[in-house]
């Protein structure tokens, strides 16, 4: 259906950092974060988990829709 890449599994944050060209910083008590993530993220699910992940994957001054 036109997808360039499918991300799944337990290394989601590391995979997203690779796609975005960002640095992934792991944290022992949470999921970590990306430094220099995506410019725009479209969250089509809207659950608490996807919103949290979207905020951690967006770059500084990035936008969510």
Protein backbone atom coordinates (compact mmCIF):
# COMPACT_ATOMS: atom_id res chain seq x y z
CA UNK A 1 0.00 0.00 0.00
CA UNK A 2 2.94 2.34 -0.44
CA UNK A 3 4.69 2.02 2.93
CA UNK A 4 8.43 2.60 2.74
CA UNK A 5 9.11 1.01 6.11
CA UNK A 6 7.19 -0.83 8.82
CA UNK A 7 8.37 -0.43 12.41
CA UNK A 8 7.37 -2.98 15.04
CA UNK A 9 8.84 -4.88 17.93
CA UNK A 10 10.62 -3.81 21.07
CA UNK A 11 13.23 -1.53 19.42
CA UNK A 12 10.69 1.02 18.19
CA UNK A 13 12.51 4.09 19.54
CA UNK A 14 15.87 3.05 18.06
CA UNK A 15 14.20 2.34 14.71
CA UNK A 16 12.43 5.71 14.72
CA UNK A 17 15.72 7.45 15.48
CA UNK A 18 17.29 5.74 12.48
CA UNK A 19 14.43 6.79 10.18
CA UNK A 20 14.46 10.40 11.44
CA UNK A 21 18.23 10.72 11.51
CA UNK A 22 17.99 11.51 15.23
CA UNK A 23 19.92 10.46 18.33
CA UNK A 24 18.14 8.04 20.64
CA UNK A 25 18.70 8.54 24.36
CA UNK A 26 17.66 5.61 26.51
CA UNK A 27 16.39 6.11 30.04
CA UNK A 28 16.30 3.38 32.68
CA UNK A 29 12.82 4.24 34.00
CA UNK A 30 10.98 5.20 30.81
CA UNK A 31 11.06 4.82 27.04
CA UNK A 32 13.70 7.47 26.40
CA UNK A 33 13.52 10.18 23.76
CA UNK A 34 14.83 11.28 20.39
CA UNK A 35 16.98 14.35 19.93
CA UNK A 36 16.32 15.79 16.48
CA UNK A 37 13.20 13.78 15.63
CA UNK A 38 10.44 14.33 13.09
CA UNK A 39 9.12 17.71 11.92
CA UNK A 40 5.47 16.59 11.76
CA UNK A 41 3.75 13.56 13.26
CA UNK A 42 0.21 12.44 12.42
CA UNK A 43 -1.30 10.36 15.22
CA UNK A 44 -4.31 8.57 13.76
CA UNK A 45 -4.98 6.45 16.86
CA UNK A 46 -5.06 8.97 19.70
CA UNK A 47 -4.42 6.59 22.60
CA UNK A 48 -2.33 7.60 25.60
CA UNK A 49 0.58 5.48 24.35
CA UNK A 50 0.64 6.89 20.82
CA UNK A 51 0.37 10.49 22.06
CA UNK A 52 3.29 9.92 24.48
CA UNK A 53 5.39 8.30 21.76
CA UNK A 54 4.55 11.08 19.29
CA UNK A 55 5.70 13.75 21.72
CA UNK A 56 8.96 11.90 22.34
CA UNK A 57 9.59 11.42 18.59
CA UNK A 58 8.95 15.02 17.53
CA UNK A 59 11.89 17.41 17.22
CA UNK A 60 11.99 20.68 19.13
CA UNK A 61 9.34 22.98 17.66
CA UNK A 62 7.87 20.00 15.77
CA UNK A 63 4.15 19.80 15.04
CA UNK A 64 1.53 17.18 15.74
CA UNK A 65 -1.72 16.75 13.88
